Amino acid sequence: IPADVSVSRVSSDGETFAHVCIDDLRERRAAEQRIRQLLQYDELTGLPNRQLLFERLGAMLQSSAPTAVLVLELDRFKRINDAHGHAVGDQVLEHVASVIAAQARQADSVGRYGGDEFIIVAPQSTLAGAAQAAERLRLAMEAEHIHARASNLRVTLSIGVASTTSEDVAVADVLARADRALYKAKARGRNRVQVMEG
């Protein structure tokens, strides 16, 4: 049990004794943990949120090791929300998050970028290796059947991939390249992987 213990010496009528005060910190620690969870993790999927992902990506870029960034977006997700409601949309996002996390390597950081976008930060990964991983993930998602309420839904992903080996590249630069690749993938018909060179 986490506890805060304070001891003070008390003298009274020529006698000296110790006054010990013990505070149970379990509730305080639980509240602090909940605050950290809310600040760094997405409440719906439990994945790291944008802030935590940016911190991890920044740390990886400073190490100058090859790092790849994959930006993933669900294709036509608005249609699911409009046709089936936001509760079903939330179930779809949770399912997609679990598929992405299952496909990622243990060293990768997977997070929710916002809305129907997710990010994978892949350390020690070449652009070619990241593109292959993205294609495996795209195919895995394409094969999934998501059972949400009375609906049997299929979801596809468009994925943009960028990488860097330069230690002076900013987080925003790498993400911008991955975003541009994602928009190209969507413009070319969706449900595809697009790589951004350089």
C-alpha atoms as a PDB file:
ATOM      1  CA  ILE A   1       0.000   0.000   0.000  1.00  0.00           C
ATOM      2  CA  PRO A   2       1.510   3.365  -0.928  1.00  0.00           C
ATOM      3  CA  ALA A   3       1.590   5.559   2.147  1.00  0.00           C
ATOM      4  CA  ASP A   4       2.937   8.881   3.333  1.00  0.00           C
ATOM      5  CA  VAL A   5       4.509   8.480   6.771  1.00  0.00           C
ATOM      6  CA  SER A   6       5.563  11.380   8.957  1.00  0.00           C
ATOM      7  CA  VAL A   7       7.121  11.060  12.390  1.00  0.00           C
ATOM      8  CA  SER A   8       7.546  13.877  14.864  1.00  0.00           C
ATOM      9  CA  ARG A   9       8.949  13.926  18.368  1.00  0.00           C
ATOM     10  CA  VAL A  10       6.588  15.214  21.019  1.00  0.00           C
ATOM     11  CA  SER A  11       7.547  16.112  24.579  1.00  0.00           C
ATOM     12  CA  SER A  12       4.971  16.469  27.331  1.00  0.00           C
ATOM     13  CA  ASP A  13       5.336  16.491  31.116  1.00  0.00           C
ATOM     14  CA  GLY A  14       8.950  15.408  30.914  1.00  0.00           C
ATOM     15  CA  GLU A  15       8.180  12.455  28.641  1.00  0.00           C
ATOM     16  CA  THR A  16       9.175  12.203  25.004  1.00  0.00           C
ATOM     17  CA  PHE A  17       7.374  10.055  22.494  1.00  0.00           C
ATOM     18  CA  ALA A  18       6.918   9.764  18.739  1.00  0.00           C
ATOM     19  CA  HIS A  19       3.806  10.924  16.946  1.00  0.00           C
ATOM     20  CA  VAL A  20       3.357   8.900  13.754  1.00  0.00           C
ATOM     21  CA  CYS A  21       0.917   9.925  11.026  1.00  0.00           C
ATOM     22  CA  ILE A  22       0.216   7.531   8.134  1.00  0.00           C
ATOM     23  CA  ASP A  23      -1.798   8.632   5.093  1.00  0.00           C
ATOM     24  CA  ASP A  24      -3.091   5.991   2.666  1.00  0.00           C
ATOM     25  CA  LEU A  25      -2.163   7.261  -0.825  1.00  0.00           C
ATOM     26  CA  ARG A  26      -4.081   4.719  -2.904  1.00  0.00           C
ATOM     27  CA  GLU A  27      -6.900   7.080  -3.880  1.00  0.00           C
ATOM     28  CA  ARG A  28      -4.500   9.926  -4.670  1.00  0.00           C
ATOM     29  CA  ARG A  29      -2.271   7.643  -6.795  1.00  0.00           C
ATOM     30  CA  ALA A  30      -5.314   6.288  -8.639  1.00  0.00           C
ATOM     31  CA  ALA A  31      -6.475   9.840  -9.389  1.00  0.00           C
ATOM     32  CA  GLU A  32      -2.988  10.827 -10.611  1.00  0.00           C
ATOM     33  CA  GLN A  33      -2.863   7.743 -12.835  1.00  0.00           C
ATOM     34  CA  ARG A  34      -6.294   8.607 -14.264  1.00  0.00           C
ATOM     35  CA  ILE A  35      -5.126  12.149 -15.052  1.00  0.00           C
ATOM     36  CA  ARG A  36      -2.005  10.815 -16.793  1.00  0.00           C
ATOM     37  CA  GLN A  37      -4.181   8.391 -18.745  1.00  0.00           C
ATOM     38  CA  LEU A  38      -6.492  11.182 -19.895  1.00  0.00           C
ATOM     39  CA  LEU A  39      -3.580  13.431 -20.880  1.00  0.00           C
ATOM     40  CA  GLN A  40      -1.615  10.846 -22.863  1.00  0.00           C
ATOM     41  CA  TYR A  41      -4.058   8.208 -24.082  1.00  0.00           C
ATOM     42  CA  ASP A  42      -7.158   8.187 -26.255  1.00  0.00           C
ATOM     43  CA  GLU A  43     -10.204   7.455 -24.124  1.00  0.00           C
ATOM     44  CA  LEU A  44     -12.043   5.378 -26.755  1.00  0.00           C
ATOM     45  CA  THR A  45      -9.256   3.119 -28.025  1.00  0.00           C
ATOM     46  CA  GLY A  46      -6.794   3.225 -25.126  1.00  0.00           C
ATOM     47  CA  LEU A  47      -3.993   3.982 -27.606  1.00  0.00           C
ATOM     48  CA  PRO A  48      -1.488   6.795 -27.110  1.00  0.00           C
ATOM     49  CA  ASN A  49      -2.910  10.133 -28.234  1.00  0.00           C
ATOM     50  CA  ARG A  50      -1.357  12.721 -30.550  1.00  0.00           C
ATOM     51  CA  GLN A  51       0.667  14.415 -27.795  1.00  0.00           C
ATOM     52  CA  LEU A  52       2.320  11.217 -26.584  1.00  0.00           C
ATOM     53  CA  LEU A  53       3.007  10.067 -30.153  1.00  0.00           C
ATOM     54  CA  PHE A  54       4.677  13.385 -30.979  1.00  0.00           C
ATOM     55  CA  GLU A  55       6.891  13.023 -27.903  1.00  0.00           C
ATOM     56  CA  ARG A  56       7.906   9.487 -28.877  1.00  0.00           C
ATOM     57  CA  LEU A  57       8.531  10.437 -32.497  1.00  0.00           C
ATOM     58  CA  GLY A  58      10.625  13.430 -31.414  1.00  0.00           C
ATOM     59  CA  ALA A  59      12.757  11.203 -29.198  1.00  0.00           C
ATOM     60  CA  MET A  60      13.271   8.717 -32.027  1.00  0.00           C
ATOM     61  CA  LEU A  61      14.254  11.438 -34.491  1.00  0.00           C
ATOM     62  CA  GLN A  62      16.852  12.782 -32.067  1.00  0.00           C
ATOM     63  CA  SER A  63      18.483   9.362 -31.951  1.00  0.00           C
ATOM     64  CA  SER A  64      19.193   9.674 -35.715  1.00  0.00           C
ATOM     65  CA  ALA A  65      18.105   6.052 -36.220  1.00  0.00           C
ATOM     66  CA  PRO A  66      16.019   5.318 -39.316  1.00  0.00           C
ATOM     67  CA  THR A  67      12.399   5.930 -38.397  1.00  0.00           C
ATOM     68  CA  ALA A  68       9.260   5.467 -40.475  1.00  0.00           C
ATOM     69  CA  VAL A  69       5.881   7.084 -39.939  1.00  0.00           C
ATOM     70  CA  LEU A  70       2.648   5.572 -41.222  1.00  0.00           C
ATOM     71  CA  VAL A  71      -0.502   7.686 -41.250  1.00  0.00           C
ATOM     72  CA  LEU A  72      -3.655   5.607 -41.666  1.00  0.00           C
ATOM     73  CA  GLU A  73      -7.182   6.782 -42.345  1.00  0.00           C
ATOM     74  CA  LEU A  74     -10.388   4.795 -42.588  1.00  0.00           C
ATOM     75  CA  ASP A  75     -11.954   5.063 -46.024  1.00  0.00           C
ATOM     76  CA  ARG A  76     -15.406   6.662 -46.105  1.00  0.00           C
ATOM     77  CA  PHE A  77     -15.821   6.448 -42.345  1.00  0.00           C
ATOM     78  CA  LYS A  78     -18.365   9.295 -42.379  1.00  0.00           C
ATOM     79  CA  ARG A  79     -20.766   6.998 -44.258  1.00  0.00           C
ATOM     80  CA  ILE A  80     -20.634   4.505 -41.389  1.00  0.00           C
ATOM     81  CA  ASN A  81     -21.420   7.206 -38.844  1.00  0.00           C
ATOM     82  CA  ASP A  82     -24.223   8.614 -40.986  1.00  0.00           C
ATOM     83  CA  ALA A  83     -25.791   5.245 -41.796  1.00  0.00           C
ATOM     84  CA  HIS A  84     -25.365   3.419 -38.480  1.00  0.00           C
ATOM     85  CA  GLY A  85     -24.815   6.118 -35.853  1.00  0.00           C
ATOM     86  CA  HIS A  86     -21.871   7.186 -33.735  1.00  0.00           C
ATOM     87  CA  ALA A  87     -22.134   4.235 -31.335  1.00  0.00           C
ATOM     88  CA  VAL A  88     -21.450   1.845 -34.209  1.00  0.00           C
ATOM     89  CA  GLY A  89     -18.765   4.217 -35.478  1.00  0.00           C
ATOM     90  CA  ASP A  90     -17.063   4.008 -32.091  1.00  0.00           C
ATOM     91  CA  GLN A  91     -17.168   0.200 -32.197  1.00  0.00           C
ATOM     92  CA  VAL A  92     -15.569   0.288 -35.633  1.00  0.00           C
ATOM     93  CA  LEU A  93     -12.791   2.589 -34.392  1.00  0.00           C
ATOM     94  CA  GLU A  94     -12.121   0.291 -31.423  1.00  0.00           C
ATOM     95  CA  HIS A  95     -11.951  -2.750 -33.696  1.00  0.00           C
ATOM     96  CA  VAL A  96      -9.675  -1.020 -36.208  1.00  0.00           C
ATOM     97  CA  ALA A  97      -7.397   0.113 -33.362  1.00  0.00           C
ATOM     98  CA  SER A  98      -7.072  -3.483 -32.154  1.00  0.00           C
ATOM     99  CA  VAL A  99      -6.230  -4.733 -35.664  1.00  0.00           C
ATOM    100  CA  ILE A 100      -3.593  -2.034 -36.149  1.00  0.00           C
ATOM    101  CA  ALA A 101      -2.037  -2.723 -32.739  1.00  0.00           C
ATOM    102  CA  ALA A 102      -1.982  -6.480 -33.444  1.00  0.00           C
ATOM    103  CA  GLN A 103      -0.223  -5.971 -36.787  1.00  0.00           C
ATOM    104  CA  ALA A 104       2.415  -3.557 -35.437  1.00  0.00           C
ATOM    105  CA  ARG A 105       5.799  -4.702 -34.151  1.00  0.00           C
ATOM    106  CA  GLN A 106       6.493  -4.611 -30.440  1.00  0.00           C
ATOM    107  CA  ALA A 107       8.941  -1.723 -30.925  1.00  0.00           C
ATOM    108  CA  ASP A 108       6.390   0.381 -32.833  1.00  0.00           C
ATOM    109  CA  SER A 109       4.264   3.101 -31.255  1.00  0.00           C
ATOM    110  CA  VAL A 110       0.643   2.951 -32.391  1.00  0.00           C
ATOM    111  CA  GLY A 111      -1.716   5.785 -31.591  1.00  0.00           C
ATOM    112  CA  ARG A 112      -4.881   7.593 -32.538  1.00  0.00           C
ATOM    113  CA  TYR A 113      -4.118  10.819 -34.370  1.00  0.00           C
ATOM    114  CA  GLY A 114      -7.704  12.012 -34.099  1.00  0.00           C
ATOM    115  CA  GLY A 115     -11.079  11.194 -35.639  1.00  0.00           C
ATOM    116  CA  ASP A 116     -10.590   8.216 -37.931  1.00  0.00           C
ATOM    117  CA  GLU A 117      -6.822   8.666 -38.312  1.00  0.00           C
ATOM    118  CA  PHE A 118      -4.146   6.543 -36.690  1.00  0.00           C
ATOM    119  CA  ILE A 119      -0.346   6.718 -36.681  1.00  0.00           C
ATOM    120  CA  ILE A 120       2.357   4.109 -36.412  1.00  0.00           C
ATOM    121  CA  VAL A 121       5.856   5.292 -35.528  1.00  0.00           C
ATOM    122  CA  ALA A 122       8.271   2.547 -36.529  1.00  0.00           C
ATOM    123  CA  PRO A 123      11.855   2.882 -35.235  1.00  0.00           C
ATOM    124  CA  GLN A 124      14.706   1.088 -36.969  1.00  0.00           C
ATOM    125  CA  SER A 125      12.603   0.769 -40.104  1.00  0.00           C
ATOM    126  CA  THR A 126      13.524   1.530 -43.712  1.00  0.00           C
ATOM    127  CA  LEU A 127      11.052   3.094 -46.101  1.00  0.00           C
ATOM    128  CA  ALA A 128      10.783  -0.172 -48.050  1.00  0.00           C
ATOM    129  CA  GLY A 129      10.234  -2.196 -44.883  1.00  0.00           C
ATOM    130  CA  ALA A 130       7.595   0.240 -43.643  1.00  0.00           C
ATOM    131  CA  ALA A 131       5.801   0.102 -47.010  1.00  0.00           C
ATOM    132  CA  GLN A 132       5.690  -3.703 -46.822  1.00  0.00           C
ATOM    133  CA  ALA A 133       4.339  -3.552 -43.270  1.00  0.00           C
ATOM    134  CA  ALA A 134       1.720  -1.026 -44.386  1.00  0.00           C
ATOM    135  CA  GLU A 135       0.600  -3.312 -47.215  1.00  0.00           C
ATOM    136  CA  ARG A 136       0.271  -6.265 -44.811  1.00  0.00           C
ATOM    137  CA  LEU A 137      -1.815  -4.094 -42.507  1.00  0.00           C
ATOM    138  CA  ARG A 138      -3.998  -2.880 -45.384  1.00  0.00           C
ATOM    139  CA  LEU A 139      -4.691  -6.458 -46.460  1.00  0.00           C
ATOM    140  CA  ALA A 140      -5.402  -7.567 -42.884  1.00  0.00           C
ATOM    141  CA  MET A 141      -7.938  -4.760 -42.470  1.00  0.00           C
ATOM    142  CA  GLU A 142      -9.525  -5.512 -45.845  1.00  0.00           C
ATOM    143  CA  ALA A 143     -10.123  -9.119 -44.721  1.00  0.00           C
ATOM    144  CA  GLU A 144     -11.798  -8.115 -41.437  1.00  0.00           C
ATOM    145  CA  HIS A 145     -15.542  -8.331 -40.862  1.00  0.00           C
ATOM    146  CA  ILE A 146     -16.641  -6.017 -38.082  1.00  0.00           C
ATOM    147  CA  HIS A 147     -19.804  -7.043 -36.256  1.00  0.00           C
ATOM    148  CA  ALA A 148     -21.386  -3.936 -34.756  1.00  0.00           C
ATOM    149  CA  ARG A 149     -24.935  -4.307 -33.421  1.00  0.00           C
ATOM    150  CA  ALA A 150     -26.890  -5.890 -36.261  1.00  0.00           C
ATOM    151  CA  SER A 151     -24.428  -4.782 -38.923  1.00  0.00           C
ATOM    152  CA  ASN A 152     -21.602  -6.674 -40.578  1.00  0.00           C
ATOM    153  CA  LEU A 153     -19.211  -3.995 -41.798  1.00  0.00           C
ATOM    154  CA  ARG A 154     -16.025  -4.026 -43.799  1.00  0.00           C
ATOM    155  CA  VAL A 155     -13.538  -1.186 -43.561  1.00  0.00           C
ATOM    156  CA  THR A 156     -10.549  -0.342 -45.724  1.00  0.00           C
ATOM    157  CA  LEU A 157      -7.537   1.859 -45.014  1.00  0.00           C
ATOM    158  CA  SER A 158      -5.579   4.391 -46.983  1.00  0.00           C
ATOM    159  CA  ILE A 159      -2.005   4.598 -45.696  1.00  0.00           C
ATOM    160  CA  GLY A 160       0.709   7.189 -46.238  1.00  0.00           C
ATOM    161  CA  VAL A 161       4.315   6.269 -45.432  1.00  0.00           C
ATOM    162  CA  ALA A 162       7.348   8.505 -44.936  1.00  0.00           C
ATOM    163  CA  SER A 163      10.683   7.988 -43.250  1.00  0.00           C
ATOM    164  CA  THR A 164      13.792   9.840 -42.216  1.00  0.00           C
ATOM    165  CA  THR A 165      17.332   9.068 -41.160  1.00  0.00           C
ATOM    166  CA  SER A 166      18.357  12.655 -40.536  1.00  0.00           C
ATOM    167  CA  GLU A 167      18.605  13.814 -36.937  1.00  0.00           C
ATOM    168  CA  ASP A 168      17.696  17.403 -37.789  1.00  0.00           C
ATOM    169  CA  VAL A 169      14.301  16.659 -39.344  1.00  0.00           C
ATOM    170  CA  ALA A 170      11.429  18.038 -37.262  1.00  0.00           C
ATOM    171  CA  VAL A 171       8.456  15.948 -36.201  1.00  0.00           C
ATOM    172  CA  ALA A 172       6.136  18.207 -38.211  1.00  0.00           C
ATOM    173  CA  ASP A 173       8.183  17.649 -41.403  1.00  0.00           C
ATOM    174  CA  VAL A 174       7.975  13.861 -41.236  1.00  0.00           C
ATOM    175  CA  LEU A 175       4.263  13.947 -40.433  1.00  0.00           C
ATOM    176  CA  ALA A 176       3.614  16.395 -43.268  1.00  0.00           C
ATOM    177  CA  ARG A 177       5.284  14.032 -45.744  1.00  0.00           C
ATOM    178  CA  ALA A 178       3.295  11.075 -44.451  1.00  0.00           C
ATOM    179  CA  ASP A 179       0.116  13.162 -44.683  1.00  0.00           C
ATOM    180  CA  ARG A 180       0.874  14.100 -48.296  1.00  0.00           C
ATOM    181  CA  ALA A 181       1.380  10.418 -49.096  1.00  0.00           C
ATOM    182  CA  LEU A 182      -1.952   9.616 -47.428  1.00  0.00           C
ATOM    183  CA  TYR A 183      -3.797  12.213 -49.531  1.00  0.00           C
ATOM    184  CA  LYS A 184      -2.216  10.781 -52.667  1.00  0.00           C
ATOM    185  CA  ALA A 185      -3.414   7.312 -51.677  1.00  0.00           C
ATOM    186  CA  LYS A 186      -6.945   8.647 -51.231  1.00  0.00           C
ATOM    187  CA  ALA A 187      -6.808  10.571 -54.511  1.00  0.00           C
ATOM    188  CA  ARG A 188      -5.729   7.409 -56.341  1.00  0.00           C
ATOM    189  CA  GLY A 189      -8.863   5.547 -55.232  1.00  0.00           C
ATOM    190  CA  ARG A 190      -8.374   4.709 -51.534  1.00  0.00           C
ATOM    191  CA  ASN A 191      -7.586   1.309 -49.990  1.00  0.00           C
ATOM    192  CA  ARG A 192      -3.944   1.593 -50.960  1.00  0.00           C
ATOM    193  CA  VAL A 193      -0.479   2.401 -49.627  1.00  0.00           C
ATOM    194  CA  GLN A 194       1.413   5.430 -50.894  1.00  0.00           C
ATOM    195  CA  VAL A 195       5.085   6.093 -50.091  1.00  0.00           C
ATOM    196  CA  MET A 196       6.596   9.578 -49.932  1.00  0.00           C
ATOM    197  CA  GLU A 197      10.247   9.557 -50.893  1.00  0.00           C
ATOM    198  CA  GLY A 198      12.794  11.970 -49.366  1.00  0.00           C
END
